[in-house]
Amino acid sequence: MPTIMNIENKSFYDEAKAVIFNHAEWRPDLMVILGSGFSELTKTLKRSTRISYHVIPHFPAGDIMGIEGNLHVGLLGKRPIYCLQKRPHYYEGWSDFDMRFFIQLFAYLGVRHVILTNACGAMNPSFQPGDIMLINDHINQMGRNPLVGQRADALGEQFVDMTTPYDLGLQNVALAAAKKQKIVLRQGVYVGYLGPSYETKSEIQAFRQMGGDVIGMSTVPEAIVARRSGMKVLGLSCITNRATGLSLEILSHEAVLSVSQQITSNLFPLVKEIVSRIDQQA
């Protein structure tokens, strides 16, 4: 086993930690990352604090149409959480260090569970816009891995096992929560695509033959880094459209945001129920 060395750019983590802890009342062990169009979840938090990404040192703080970049710290039900209103994407031009820093920072702050949500396109013909899919596994088609250049340190090893990137225990929690809320929860494989252009019809056919059920431009980097950091990961994909070639609709970011808002009536109760069921000692 490699020797665990000092944390890469530890001063960056300390500077960001000082700002977050200075602003926020809570010290959560659970984080929720919101996909495109789901920022309204932050309005359900109680006793919350909003911290702009721009004031957190070294945090990748870009802007995507319709998505504000803020960290919210507050109570979802009775559970304190970190809630990220917008995530960095590779297609914005962020480096591998940026993509791992924003996840590893929360591991440094004590987070042990992360719920990743995203908006995605359905490749599986049995899935419909408006469905929510529990991610069982993923296929990385981004041509990038955020661990490139990362050495073993106090946050994790260099070579990370990805046999079960999405925690089986948390998947069972999500299924039980969906049953309680009477929400149909699909299950399948998420394909991560670099973007920002949408996929071609031939690419969708190829990814479907590879075993993919839905496709999007996020989640895979976060899942990899979270696993590297020892976090337990749960992934929820919200289907906003059929993938290229499976419908006559022209894909656009505006349409994704519109359908995302319709999905919130199921997603928000589901996330709240899941959060309430996660054992704080697990």
Protein backbone atom coordinates (compact mmCIF):
# COMPACT_ATOMS: atom_id res chain seq x y z
CA MET A 1 0.00 0.00 0.00
CA PRO A 2 1.29 3.50 -0.77
CA THR A 3 2.25 5.75 2.10
CA ILE A 4 -0.44 8.31 2.92
CA MET A 5 1.18 11.71 2.41
CA ASN A 6 0.04 15.23 3.28
CA ILE A 7 -3.16 16.48 1.64
CA GLU A 8 -2.63 18.07 -1.77
CA ASN A 9 -2.65 21.87 -1.30
CA LYS A 10 -3.87 21.51 2.29
CA SER A 11 -3.86 25.28 2.77
CA PHE A 12 -6.62 25.56 0.14
CA TYR A 13 -8.83 23.25 2.20
CA ASP A 14 -8.09 25.12 5.42
CA GLU A 15 -8.91 28.48 3.85
CA ALA A 16 -12.22 27.23 2.40
CA LYS A 17 -13.10 25.47 5.66
CA ALA A 18 -12.56 28.66 7.66
CA VAL A 19 -14.99 30.62 5.47
CA ILE A 20 -17.69 27.93 5.53
CA PHE A 21 -17.46 27.32 9.27
CA ASN A 22 -17.46 31.06 9.92
CA HIS A 23 -20.74 31.48 8.01
CA ALA A 24 -22.63 28.31 8.91
CA GLU A 25 -24.25 27.16 12.14
CA TRP A 26 -24.23 23.46 11.26
CA ARG A 27 -21.50 20.85 10.72
CA PRO A 28 -23.33 18.26 8.56
CA ASP A 29 -22.11 14.80 7.64
CA LEU A 30 -24.40 14.64 4.59
CA MET A 31 -24.33 16.55 1.32
CA VAL A 32 -26.88 16.87 -1.50
CA ILE A 33 -25.80 18.11 -4.94
CA LEU A 34 -28.64 19.51 -7.02
CA GLY A 35 -28.93 18.94 -10.76
CA SER A 36 -30.18 21.41 -13.36
CA GLY A 37 -33.53 22.91 -12.42
CA PHE A 38 -33.70 21.61 -8.86
CA SER A 39 -32.51 24.66 -6.93
CA GLU A 40 -35.95 25.16 -5.37
CA LEU A 41 -35.06 22.40 -2.89
CA THR A 42 -32.92 24.94 -1.07
CA LYS A 43 -36.09 26.88 -0.16
CA THR A 44 -37.30 23.91 1.92
CA LEU A 45 -34.29 24.11 4.26
CA LYS A 46 -34.82 25.52 7.74
CA ARG A 47 -32.38 27.76 9.65
CA SER A 48 -30.23 27.83 6.56
CA THR A 49 -27.27 29.92 5.51
CA ARG A 50 -26.45 30.72 1.88
CA ILE A 51 -22.80 31.08 0.94
CA SER A 52 -21.91 32.16 -2.60
CA TYR A 53 -19.29 29.96 -4.23
CA HIS A 54 -17.46 33.16 -5.11
CA VAL A 55 -16.57 33.83 -1.46
CA ILE A 56 -15.27 30.30 -0.78
CA PRO A 57 -11.52 30.34 -1.51
CA HIS A 58 -10.44 28.14 -4.44
CA PHE A 59 -13.98 26.84 -5.04
CA PRO A 60 -14.83 26.44 -8.76
CA ALA A 61 -17.49 29.13 -9.14
CA GLY A 62 -18.75 29.29 -12.71
CA ASP A 63 -22.13 30.35 -14.05
CA ILE A 64 -24.55 28.26 -16.09
CA MET A 65 -27.78 29.71 -17.43
CA GLY A 66 -30.57 29.21 -14.90
CA ILE A 67 -28.34 27.84 -12.13
CA GLU A 68 -26.97 29.92 -9.26
CA GLY A 69 -23.76 28.87 -7.55
CA ASN A 70 -24.40 28.78 -3.81
CA LEU A 71 -23.72 26.49 -0.88
CA HIS A 72 -26.71 26.22 1.47
CA VAL A 73 -26.24 24.85 4.99
CA GLY A 74 -29.40 24.09 6.94
CA LEU A 75 -31.93 21.56 8.13
CA LEU A 76 -33.81 19.27 5.76
CA GLY A 77 -36.42 17.91 8.11
CA LYS A 78 -34.40 17.36 11.28
CA ARG A 79 -31.11 16.59 9.53
CA PRO A 80 -28.44 19.24 8.88
CA ILE A 81 -27.10 19.05 5.34
CA TYR A 82 -24.82 20.81 2.92
CA CYS A 83 -26.78 21.52 -0.26
CA LEU A 84 -24.90 22.56 -3.40
CA GLN A 85 -27.02 24.70 -5.70
CA LYS A 86 -25.09 24.09 -8.92
CA ARG A 87 -22.02 21.94 -9.53
CA PRO A 88 -18.94 22.53 -11.68
CA HIS A 89 -18.82 20.59 -14.97
CA TYR A 90 -15.86 19.58 -17.07
CA TYR A 91 -17.38 21.29 -20.10
CA GLU A 92 -16.96 24.66 -18.33
CA GLY A 93 -13.19 24.18 -18.57
CA TRP A 94 -12.40 23.22 -14.98
CA SER A 95 -9.24 21.26 -14.30
CA ASP A 96 -9.04 17.83 -12.70
CA PHE A 97 -7.91 19.52 -9.48
CA ASP A 98 -10.99 21.77 -9.50
CA MET A 99 -13.29 18.80 -10.05
CA ARG A 100 -11.84 16.88 -7.13
CA PHE A 101 -11.36 19.86 -4.82
CA PHE A 102 -15.06 20.70 -4.58
CA ILE A 103 -15.88 17.15 -3.46
CA GLN A 104 -12.81 16.47 -1.33
CA LEU A 105 -13.39 19.75 0.50
CA PHE A 106 -16.56 18.31 2.04
CA ALA A 107 -14.83 15.08 2.96
CA TYR A 108 -12.32 17.34 4.75
CA LEU A 109 -15.27 18.99 6.54
CA GLY A 110 -16.56 15.61 7.74
CA VAL A 111 -19.14 14.60 5.12
CA ARG A 112 -19.64 10.83 4.89
CA HIS A 113 -22.75 10.59 2.69
CA VAL A 114 -23.44 12.34 -0.62
CA ILE A 115 -26.64 12.32 -2.67
CA LEU A 116 -26.01 13.23 -6.30
CA THR A 117 -28.97 14.37 -8.39
CA ASN A 118 -28.94 15.23 -12.08
CA ALA A 119 -31.11 15.98 -15.08
CA CYS A 120 -30.58 13.46 -17.86
CA GLY A 121 -31.85 12.02 -21.13
CA ALA A 122 -33.41 8.58 -21.39
CA MET A 123 -31.84 6.02 -23.72
CA ASN A 124 -33.87 3.12 -22.31
CA PRO A 125 -37.12 3.16 -24.33
CA SER A 126 -39.15 2.07 -21.28
CA PHE A 127 -38.18 5.27 -19.40
CA GLN A 128 -40.29 8.40 -19.73
CA PRO A 129 -39.60 12.11 -19.16
CA GLY A 130 -40.61 12.79 -15.57
CA ASP A 131 -39.26 9.46 -14.28
CA ILE A 132 -36.60 9.25 -11.57
CA MET A 133 -33.90 6.58 -11.88
CA LEU A 134 -31.78 5.15 -9.09
CA ILE A 135 -28.23 4.88 -10.42
CA ASN A 136 -26.89 1.35 -9.98
CA ASP A 137 -23.66 1.96 -11.89
CA HIS A 138 -22.12 4.30 -14.43
CA ILE A 139 -20.09 4.30 -17.64
CA ASN A 140 -17.51 7.07 -17.97
CA GLN A 141 -17.56 8.37 -21.56
CA MET A 142 -16.14 11.79 -20.69
CA GLY A 143 -12.60 10.90 -21.66
CA ARG A 144 -11.54 12.45 -18.35
CA ASN A 145 -10.93 11.22 -14.84
CA PRO A 146 -10.64 13.73 -11.98
CA LEU A 147 -8.10 11.55 -10.18
CA VAL A 148 -5.45 12.13 -12.87
CA GLY A 149 -2.49 13.69 -11.07
CA GLN A 150 -3.87 12.77 -7.63
CA ARG A 151 -1.50 10.93 -5.32
CA ALA A 152 -2.33 9.02 -2.17
CA ASP A 153 -2.88 11.35 0.77
CA ALA A 154 -4.93 11.66 3.95
CA LEU A 155 -8.16 11.90 1.92
CA GLY A 156 -7.70 8.64 0.04
CA GLU A 157 -5.67 6.29 -2.11
CA GLN A 158 -4.48 6.92 -5.66
CA PHE A 159 -6.00 3.75 -7.13
CA VAL A 160 -9.68 3.56 -6.20
CA ASP A 161 -11.83 0.46 -6.37
CA MET A 162 -15.04 1.16 -8.33
CA THR A 163 -16.79 -2.20 -7.97
CA THR A 164 -19.73 -0.52 -6.25
CA PRO A 165 -19.42 3.25 -6.78
CA TYR A 166 -23.02 3.71 -5.62
CA ASP A 167 -23.51 2.34 -2.13
CA LEU A 168 -25.81 -0.69 -1.98
CA GLY A 169 -27.07 0.21 1.49
CA LEU A 170 -28.08 3.69 0.34
CA GLN A 171 -29.78 2.21 -2.70
CA ASN A 172 -31.92 0.10 -0.38
CA VAL A 173 -32.70 3.21 1.67
CA ALA A 174 -33.80 5.00 -1.51
CA LEU A 175 -36.04 2.12 -2.59
CA ALA A 176 -37.69 2.02 0.82
CA ALA A 177 -38.16 5.79 0.77
CA ALA A 178 -39.72 5.66 -2.70
CA LYS A 179 -42.12 2.97 -1.56
CA LYS A 180 -43.10 5.07 1.46
CA GLN A 181 -43.72 8.11 -0.77
CA LYS A 182 -45.49 6.00 -3.44
CA ILE A 183 -42.97 7.08 -6.07
CA VAL A 184 -41.97 4.77 -8.92
CA LEU A 185 -38.18 4.58 -8.91
CA ARG A 186 -36.51 3.20 -12.02
CA GLN A 187 -33.09 1.59 -11.80
CA GLY A 188 -30.26 1.56 -14.30
CA VAL A 189 -26.86 2.69 -15.58
CA TYR A 190 -25.88 6.34 -16.06
CA VAL A 191 -23.55 7.29 -18.91
CA GLY A 192 -21.41 10.37 -18.30
CA TYR A 193 -20.81 12.44 -21.46
CA LEU A 194 -18.42 15.40 -21.61
CA GLY A 195 -20.68 17.87 -23.45
CA PRO A 196 -21.58 20.67 -23.81
CA SER A 197 -23.04 19.59 -27.16
CA TYR A 198 -25.71 16.95 -26.92
CA GLU A 199 -25.04 13.46 -28.25
CA THR A 200 -25.51 12.28 -31.82
CA LYS A 201 -27.99 9.55 -32.73
CA SER A 202 -25.15 7.13 -33.46
CA GLU A 203 -23.52 7.82 -30.09
CA ILE A 204 -26.79 7.14 -28.30
CA GLN A 205 -27.16 3.84 -30.15
CA ALA A 206 -23.61 2.87 -29.17
CA PHE A 207 -24.06 3.85 -25.50
CA ARG A 208 -27.33 1.95 -25.34
CA GLN A 209 -25.59 -1.17 -26.70
CA MET A 210 -22.93 -0.71 -24.02
CA GLY A 211 -25.63 -1.03 -21.36
CA GLY A 212 -26.48 2.60 -20.63
CA ASP A 213 -30.01 3.59 -19.65
CA VAL A 214 -29.68 7.36 -19.26
CA ILE A 215 -27.10 9.96 -20.24
CA GLY A 216 -25.92 13.26 -18.79
CA MET A 217 -22.96 15.59 -18.37
CA SER A 218 -22.23 15.33 -14.64
CA THR A 219 -22.27 12.93 -11.67
CA VAL A 220 -19.52 10.55 -12.80
CA PRO A 221 -16.61 12.80 -11.69
CA GLU A 222 -18.28 13.50 -8.34
CA ALA A 223 -18.97 9.80 -7.73
CA ILE A 224 -15.35 8.88 -8.49
CA VAL A 225 -13.91 11.51 -6.15
CA ALA A 226 -16.45 10.81 -3.41
CA ARG A 227 -15.57 7.13 -3.46
CA ARG A 228 -11.90 8.02 -3.36
CA SER A 229 -12.63 10.13 -0.28
CA GLY A 230 -14.43 7.31 1.53
CA MET A 231 -17.93 8.74 1.14
CA LYS A 232 -21.01 6.62 0.58
CA VAL A 233 -22.66 7.74 -2.67
CA LEU A 234 -26.29 7.68 -3.81
CA GLY A 235 -27.24 8.78 -7.32
CA LEU A 236 -30.67 9.91 -8.55
CA SER A 237 -31.19 10.70 -12.23
CA CYS A 238 -34.23 12.78 -13.19
CA ILE A 239 -35.28 12.13 -16.77
CA THR A 240 -36.11 15.37 -18.54
CA ASN A 241 -36.13 14.19 -22.17
CA ARG A 242 -35.60 11.30 -24.50
CA ALA A 243 -32.06 11.07 -25.85
CA THR A 244 -31.17 12.15 -29.38
CA GLY A 245 -32.92 10.12 -32.06
CA LEU A 246 -35.57 8.71 -29.72
CA SER A 247 -38.03 11.57 -30.22
CA LEU A 248 -38.72 14.41 -32.65
CA GLU A 249 -38.00 17.10 -30.05
CA ILE A 250 -35.01 19.42 -30.44
CA LEU A 251 -32.88 19.27 -27.29
CA SER A 252 -32.22 22.51 -25.41
CA HIS A 253 -31.13 23.60 -21.94
CA GLU A 254 -34.36 25.60 -21.53
CA ALA A 255 -36.47 22.49 -22.14
CA VAL A 256 -34.40 20.52 -19.61
CA LEU A 257 -35.00 23.17 -16.95
CA SER A 258 -38.73 23.25 -17.71
CA VAL A 259 -39.21 19.51 -17.23
CA SER A 260 -36.89 19.51 -14.19
CA GLN A 261 -39.29 21.85 -12.43
CA GLN A 262 -42.13 19.40 -13.06
CA ILE A 263 -40.14 16.53 -11.50
CA THR A 264 -39.61 18.40 -8.22
CA SER A 265 -43.01 17.28 -6.85
CA ASN A 266 -41.58 13.76 -6.60
CA LEU A 267 -37.88 14.46 -6.17
CA PHE A 268 -38.10 16.74 -3.14
CA PRO A 269 -40.25 14.42 -0.96
CA LEU A 270 -38.05 11.51 -2.03
CA VAL A 271 -34.80 13.25 -1.07
CA LYS A 272 -36.27 14.40 2.24
CA GLU A 273 -37.43 10.86 3.06
CA ILE A 274 -34.05 9.41 2.10
CA VAL A 275 -32.20 11.94 4.26
CA SER A 276 -34.40 11.11 7.23
CA ARG A 277 -33.58 7.40 6.86
CA ILE A 278 -29.80 7.60 6.54
CA ASP A 279 -28.18 6.45 9.75
CA GLN A 280 -25.98 9.24 11.07
CA GLN A 281 -23.62 6.64 12.51
CA ALA A 282 -23.34 4.59 9.29
